[in-house]
C-alpha atoms as a PDB file:
ATOM      1  CA  MET A   1      -8.751  19.619 -24.060  1.00  0.00           C
ATOM      2  CA  PRO A   2     -10.386  22.059 -21.670  1.00  0.00           C
ATOM      3  CA  LEU A   3     -14.121  22.746 -21.331  1.00  0.00           C
ATOM      4  CA  PHE A   4     -15.292  26.298 -21.756  1.00  0.00           C
ATOM      5  CA  ASP A   5     -18.564  27.686 -20.430  1.00  0.00           C
ATOM      6  CA  TYR A   6     -20.685  30.191 -22.480  1.00  0.00           C
ATOM      7  CA  LYS A   7     -23.980  31.938 -21.530  1.00  0.00           C
ATOM      8  CA  CYS A   8     -26.651  33.717 -23.827  1.00  0.00           C
ATOM      9  CA  PRO A   9     -27.018  37.385 -22.725  1.00  0.00           C
ATOM     10  CA  CYS A  10     -30.663  37.354 -23.731  1.00  0.00           C
ATOM     11  CA  CYS A  11     -32.200  34.120 -22.622  1.00  0.00           C
ATOM     12  CA  GLY A  12     -29.524  33.139 -20.070  1.00  0.00           C
ATOM     13  CA  LYS A  13     -29.250  29.671 -21.540  1.00  0.00           C
ATOM     14  CA  LYS A  14     -25.824  28.174 -20.720  1.00  0.00           C
ATOM     15  CA  LYS A  15     -23.633  25.872 -22.918  1.00  0.00           C
ATOM     16  CA  GLU A  16     -20.427  23.899 -22.265  1.00  0.00           C
ATOM     17  CA  CYS A  17     -18.010  23.571 -25.166  1.00  0.00           C
ATOM     18  CA  LEU A  18     -14.812  21.357 -25.582  1.00  0.00           C
ATOM     19  CA  MET A  19     -12.067  23.058 -27.619  1.00  0.00           C
ATOM     20  CA  SER A  20      -8.493  23.999 -27.500  1.00  0.00           C
ATOM     21  CA  TRP A  21      -7.197  27.102 -25.687  1.00  0.00           C
ATOM     22  CA  GLU A  22      -6.275  28.842 -28.738  1.00  0.00           C
ATOM     23  CA  ARG A  23      -9.585  28.264 -30.597  1.00  0.00           C
ATOM     24  CA  SER A  24     -11.502  29.393 -27.472  1.00  0.00           C
ATOM     25  CA  LYS A  25      -9.806  32.908 -27.926  1.00  0.00           C
ATOM     26  CA  THR A  26     -11.276  33.382 -31.317  1.00  0.00           C
ATOM     27  CA  ALA A  27     -14.454  31.155 -31.454  1.00  0.00           C
ATOM     28  CA  GLU A  28     -17.857  32.449 -31.536  1.00  0.00           C
ATOM     29  CA  VAL A  29     -20.522  30.266 -29.944  1.00  0.00           C
ATOM     30  CA  VAL A  30     -24.059  31.012 -30.988  1.00  0.00           C
ATOM     31  CA  CYS A  31     -27.234  30.555 -28.878  1.00  0.00           C
ATOM     32  CA  GLU A  32     -29.487  27.871 -30.377  1.00  0.00           C
ATOM     33  CA  SER A  33     -32.444  29.569 -29.095  1.00  0.00           C
ATOM     34  CA  CYS A  34     -31.664  33.295 -29.747  1.00  0.00           C
ATOM     35  CA  SER A  35     -29.056  33.079 -32.491  1.00  0.00           C
ATOM     36  CA  LEU A  36     -27.019  35.520 -30.632  1.00  0.00           C
ATOM     37  CA  ALA A  37     -23.381  35.262 -29.704  1.00  0.00           C
ATOM     38  CA  MET A  38     -22.980  33.734 -26.370  1.00  0.00           C
ATOM     39  CA  ILE A  39     -20.497  35.402 -23.754  1.00  0.00           C
ATOM     40  CA  LYS A  40     -17.552  33.289 -22.461  1.00  0.00           C
ATOM     41  CA  MET A  41     -17.978  32.572 -18.631  1.00  0.00           C
ATOM     42  CA  VAL A  42     -15.096  32.248 -16.145  1.00  0.00           C
ATOM     43  CA  SER A  43     -14.934  28.555 -15.370  1.00  0.00           C
ATOM     44  CA  MET A  44     -14.339  27.094 -11.955  1.00  0.00           C
ATOM     45  CA  PRO A  45     -11.155  25.074 -12.040  1.00  0.00           C
ATOM     46  CA  ALA A  46     -11.319  21.486 -11.338  1.00  0.00           C
ATOM     47  CA  LYS A  47      -9.989  20.876  -7.762  1.00  0.00           C
ATOM     48  CA  THR A  48      -7.725  18.003  -7.814  1.00  0.00           C
ATOM     49  CA  THR A  49      -5.312  16.910  -5.263  1.00  0.00           C
ATOM     50  CA  THR A  50      -2.384  17.451  -7.511  1.00  0.00           C
ATOM     51  CA  ALA A  51      -3.540  20.964  -8.574  1.00  0.00           C
ATOM     52  CA  TRP A  52      -4.361  22.180  -4.825  1.00  0.00           C
ATOM     53  CA  GLU A  53      -1.576  20.104  -3.009  1.00  0.00           C
ATOM     54  CA  GLY A  54      -4.316  18.140  -1.426  1.00  0.00           C
ATOM     55  CA  GLY A  55      -2.087  16.031   0.630  1.00  0.00           C
ATOM     56  CA  TRP A  56      -0.756  13.862  -2.131  1.00  0.00           C
ATOM     57  CA  ARG A  57       2.810  14.211  -0.865  1.00  0.00           C
ATOM     58  CA  ASP A  58       1.963  13.551   2.896  1.00  0.00           C
ATOM     59  CA  GLY A  59       4.292  11.230   4.397  1.00  0.00           C
ATOM     60  CA  LEU A  60       7.265  12.222   1.943  1.00  0.00           C
ATOM     61  CA  SER A  61       9.986  14.585   2.823  1.00  0.00           C
ATOM     62  CA  SER A  62       9.857  18.194   1.443  1.00  0.00           C
ATOM     63  CA  ASN A  63      11.949  17.176  -1.647  1.00  0.00           C
ATOM     64  CA  GLY A  64       9.816  13.867  -2.417  1.00  0.00           C
ATOM     65  CA  PHE A  65      12.361  11.538  -0.767  1.00  0.00           C
ATOM     66  CA  SER A  66      10.724   8.342   0.149  1.00  0.00           C
ATOM     67  CA  MET A  67      12.350   6.878   3.393  1.00  0.00           C
ATOM     68  CA  ALA A  68      10.825   3.339   2.695  1.00  0.00           C
ATOM     69  CA  LEU A  69      12.280   3.059  -0.948  1.00  0.00           C
ATOM     70  CA  GLY A  70      15.523   5.279  -0.182  1.00  0.00           C
ATOM     71  CA  ARG A  71      14.896   7.380  -3.254  1.00  0.00           C
ATOM     72  CA  LYS A  72      12.848  10.056  -4.745  1.00  0.00           C
ATOM     73  CA  VAL A  73       9.306   9.643  -5.900  1.00  0.00           C
ATOM     74  CA  SER A  74       6.855  11.963  -7.409  1.00  0.00           C
ATOM     75  CA  ASN A  75       3.957  11.268  -5.077  1.00  0.00           C
ATOM     76  CA  LYS A  76       2.591   8.680  -2.470  1.00  0.00           C
ATOM     77  CA  ARG A  77       0.869   6.766  -5.200  1.00  0.00           C
ATOM     78  CA  GLU A  78       4.006   6.040  -7.000  1.00  0.00           C
ATOM     79  CA  GLU A  79       5.677   5.024  -3.657  1.00  0.00           C
ATOM     80  CA  GLU A  80       2.833   2.646  -2.844  1.00  0.00           C
ATOM     81  CA  LYS A  81       2.812   1.126  -6.360  1.00  0.00           C
ATOM     82  CA  ILE A  82       6.608   0.427  -6.288  1.00  0.00           C
ATOM     83  CA  LEU A  83       6.271  -0.839  -2.764  1.00  0.00           C
ATOM     84  CA  ASN A  84       3.344  -3.282  -3.647  1.00  0.00           C
ATOM     85  CA  SER A  85       5.107  -4.527  -6.658  1.00  0.00           C
ATOM     86  CA  ARG A  86       8.053  -5.303  -4.453  1.00  0.00           C
ATOM     87  CA  GLY A  87       5.732  -7.314  -2.171  1.00  0.00           C
ATOM     88  CA  PHE A  88       5.779  -4.801   0.735  1.00  0.00           C
ATOM     89  CA  ILE A  89       2.508  -4.536   2.831  1.00  0.00           C
ATOM     90  CA  ALA A  90       1.248  -1.279   4.500  1.00  0.00           C
ATOM     91  CA  GLU A  91       1.463  -1.441   8.222  1.00  0.00           C
ATOM     92  CA  SER A  92      -2.277  -0.302   8.513  1.00  0.00           C
ATOM     93  CA  ASP A  93      -3.148  -3.427   6.412  1.00  0.00           C
ATOM     94  CA  LEU A  94      -1.555  -5.886   9.021  1.00  0.00           C
ATOM     95  CA  GLY A  95      -4.176  -5.289  11.917  1.00  0.00           C
ATOM     96  CA  LYS A  96      -4.073  -4.132  15.415  1.00  0.00           C
ATOM     97  CA  ASP A  97      -1.202  -5.572  17.404  1.00  0.00           C
ATOM     98  CA  TRP A  98       0.300  -7.659  14.507  1.00  0.00           C
ATOM     99  CA  PHE A  99       3.964  -6.992  15.437  1.00  0.00           C
ATOM    100  CA  GLU A 100       3.381  -7.873  19.179  1.00  0.00           C
ATOM    101  CA  ASN A 101       1.451 -11.122  18.289  1.00  0.00           C
ATOM    102  CA  THR A 102       3.961 -12.248  15.788  1.00  0.00           C
ATOM    103  CA  GLN A 103       6.752 -11.546  18.127  1.00  0.00           C
ATOM    104  CA  ALA A 104       4.994 -13.546  21.009  1.00  0.00           C
ATOM    105  CA  LYS A 105       4.499 -16.520  18.666  1.00  0.00           C
ATOM    106  CA  GLN A 106       8.098 -16.319  17.653  1.00  0.00           C
ATOM    107  CA  LEU A 107       9.128 -16.236  21.196  1.00  0.00           C
ATOM    108  CA  ALA A 108       6.897 -19.430  21.884  1.00  0.00           C
ATOM    109  CA  LYS A 109       8.794 -21.108  19.051  1.00  0.00           C
ATOM    110  CA  PHE A 110      12.203 -20.303  20.411  1.00  0.00           C
ATOM    111  CA  GLU A 111      11.146 -21.569  23.920  1.00  0.00           C
ATOM    112  CA  ALA A 112       9.773 -24.775  22.468  1.00  0.00           C
ATOM    113  CA  GLN A 113      13.059 -25.123  20.372  1.00  0.00           C
ATOM    114  CA  ASP A 114      15.035 -24.645  23.515  1.00  0.00           C
ATOM    115  CA  LYS A 115      13.186 -27.294  25.322  1.00  0.00           C
ATOM    116  CA  LYS A 116      13.711 -29.900  22.584  1.00  0.00           C
ATOM    117  CA  THR A 117      17.418 -28.920  22.600  1.00  0.00           C
ATOM    118  CA  GLU A 118      17.545 -29.352  26.385  1.00  0.00           C
ATOM    119  CA  ILE A 119      16.049 -32.899  25.989  1.00  0.00           C
ATOM    120  CA  TYR A 120      18.500 -33.762  23.430  1.00  0.00           C
ATOM    121  CA  GLN A 121      21.543 -32.460  25.320  1.00  0.00           C
ATOM    122  CA  LYS A 122      20.237 -34.176  28.670  1.00  0.00           C
ATOM    123  CA  THR A 123      19.631 -37.662  26.875  1.00  0.00           C
ATOM    124  CA  LEU A 124      23.056 -37.265  25.280  1.00  0.00           C
ATOM    125  CA  ALA A 125      24.920 -36.677  28.473  1.00  0.00           C
ATOM    126  CA  GLU A 126      23.105 -39.578  30.043  1.00  0.00           C
ATOM    127  CA  THR A 127      23.178 -42.262  27.414  1.00  0.00           C
ATOM    128  CA  GLY A 128      26.031 -41.176  25.208  1.00  0.00           C
ATOM    129  CA  SER A 129      23.960 -42.228  22.129  1.00  0.00           C
ATOM    130  CA  LYS A 130      22.871 -39.585  19.558  1.00  0.00           C
ATOM    131  CA  GLU A 131      20.381 -41.847  18.148  1.00  0.00           C
ATOM    132  CA  MET A 132      18.460 -42.184  21.704  1.00  0.00           C
ATOM    133  CA  ALA A 133      18.722 -38.488  22.145  1.00  0.00           C
ATOM    134  CA  ILE A 134      17.107 -37.931  18.798  1.00  0.00           C
ATOM    135  CA  GLU A 135      14.335 -40.429  19.504  1.00  0.00           C
ATOM    136  CA  ARG A 136      13.574 -38.736  22.806  1.00  0.00           C
ATOM    137  CA  ALA A 137      13.793 -35.114  21.755  1.00  0.00           C
ATOM    138  CA  PHE A 138      12.051 -35.753  18.259  1.00  0.00           C
ATOM    139  CA  PRO A 139       9.696 -38.628  18.587  1.00  0.00           C
ATOM    140  CA  ALA A 140       8.207 -40.008  15.332  1.00  0.00           C
ATOM    141  CA  HIS A 141       4.660 -39.140  16.347  1.00  0.00           C
ATOM    142  CA  GLU A 142       5.635 -35.376  16.455  1.00  0.00           C
ATOM    143  CA  CYS A 143       7.342 -35.686  13.025  1.00  0.00           C
ATOM    144  CA  LEU A 144       4.274 -37.367  11.486  1.00  0.00           C
ATOM    145  CA  ASP A 145       1.517 -35.018  12.846  1.00  0.00           C
ATOM    146  CA  GLY A 146       3.437 -31.782  11.965  1.00  0.00           C
ATOM    147  CA  SER A 147       3.985 -30.515  15.400  1.00  0.00           C
ATOM    148  CA  LEU A 148       7.763 -30.183  14.767  1.00  0.00           C
ATOM    149  CA  ASP A 149       6.924 -28.457  11.665  1.00  0.00           C
ATOM    150  CA  ASP A 150       5.154 -25.756  13.680  1.00  0.00           C
ATOM    151  CA  ILE A 151       8.229 -25.310  16.125  1.00  0.00           C
ATOM    152  CA  TYR A 152      10.897 -25.159  13.573  1.00  0.00           C
ATOM    153  CA  ASP A 153       9.187 -23.164  10.697  1.00  0.00           C
ATOM    154  CA  THR A 154      10.740 -19.737  10.567  1.00  0.00           C
ATOM    155  CA  SER A 155       8.736 -18.173   7.792  1.00  0.00           C
ATOM    156  CA  ILE A 156       6.413 -15.323   8.656  1.00  0.00           C
ATOM    157  CA  LYS A 157       2.722 -15.812   7.754  1.00  0.00           C
ATOM    158  CA  ILE A 158       0.417 -13.031   7.296  1.00  0.00           C
END
C-alpha cells in the first residue's frame, strides 16, 4: 500500500497516511491541531534500482539473456543467485592473478609428473623390472609423507 502526504493549509503541519490508491481519492484527512481538511501533497516517488533502471541489468544483454547461464533471467540478482546455488564463484572473489597462479601451479605439477615418468621409464629400460622402476620413481617415504599426493592431486582448490 502506498504512503500519501498531507499538509494543513492553516498551520502547515504535515502528515503521512498509509492507504489504498482508491481510498486516497475520496478520503478526507483532518488536521489534529486546526480540525481543517488537509491538502493532499504530491509525493516524491521512491528511487529504486528497478524503477529507475539503476544498473540492475548491467552485464546482461538487452533482452535479459545471461551468457553464464545460457538463458534469460530477469535481473543480475537472479543470475547471481542461480550461479551461487550451482557452486559458481564470481571472478572478482577469486583474487588478483588467481588464474595465472593456478595455471603456474598446475604446470609445476605436470613437470613433476613428467620427471617421475622419466625416472620410471629410464629404470624400466635399464633393469627390465617394473617393481624396481616403481620403487625408484615412487619411493615409500614420498608415498607416506604425502608429497606424491601433491603431485598427482588434480582437484582445484580455492
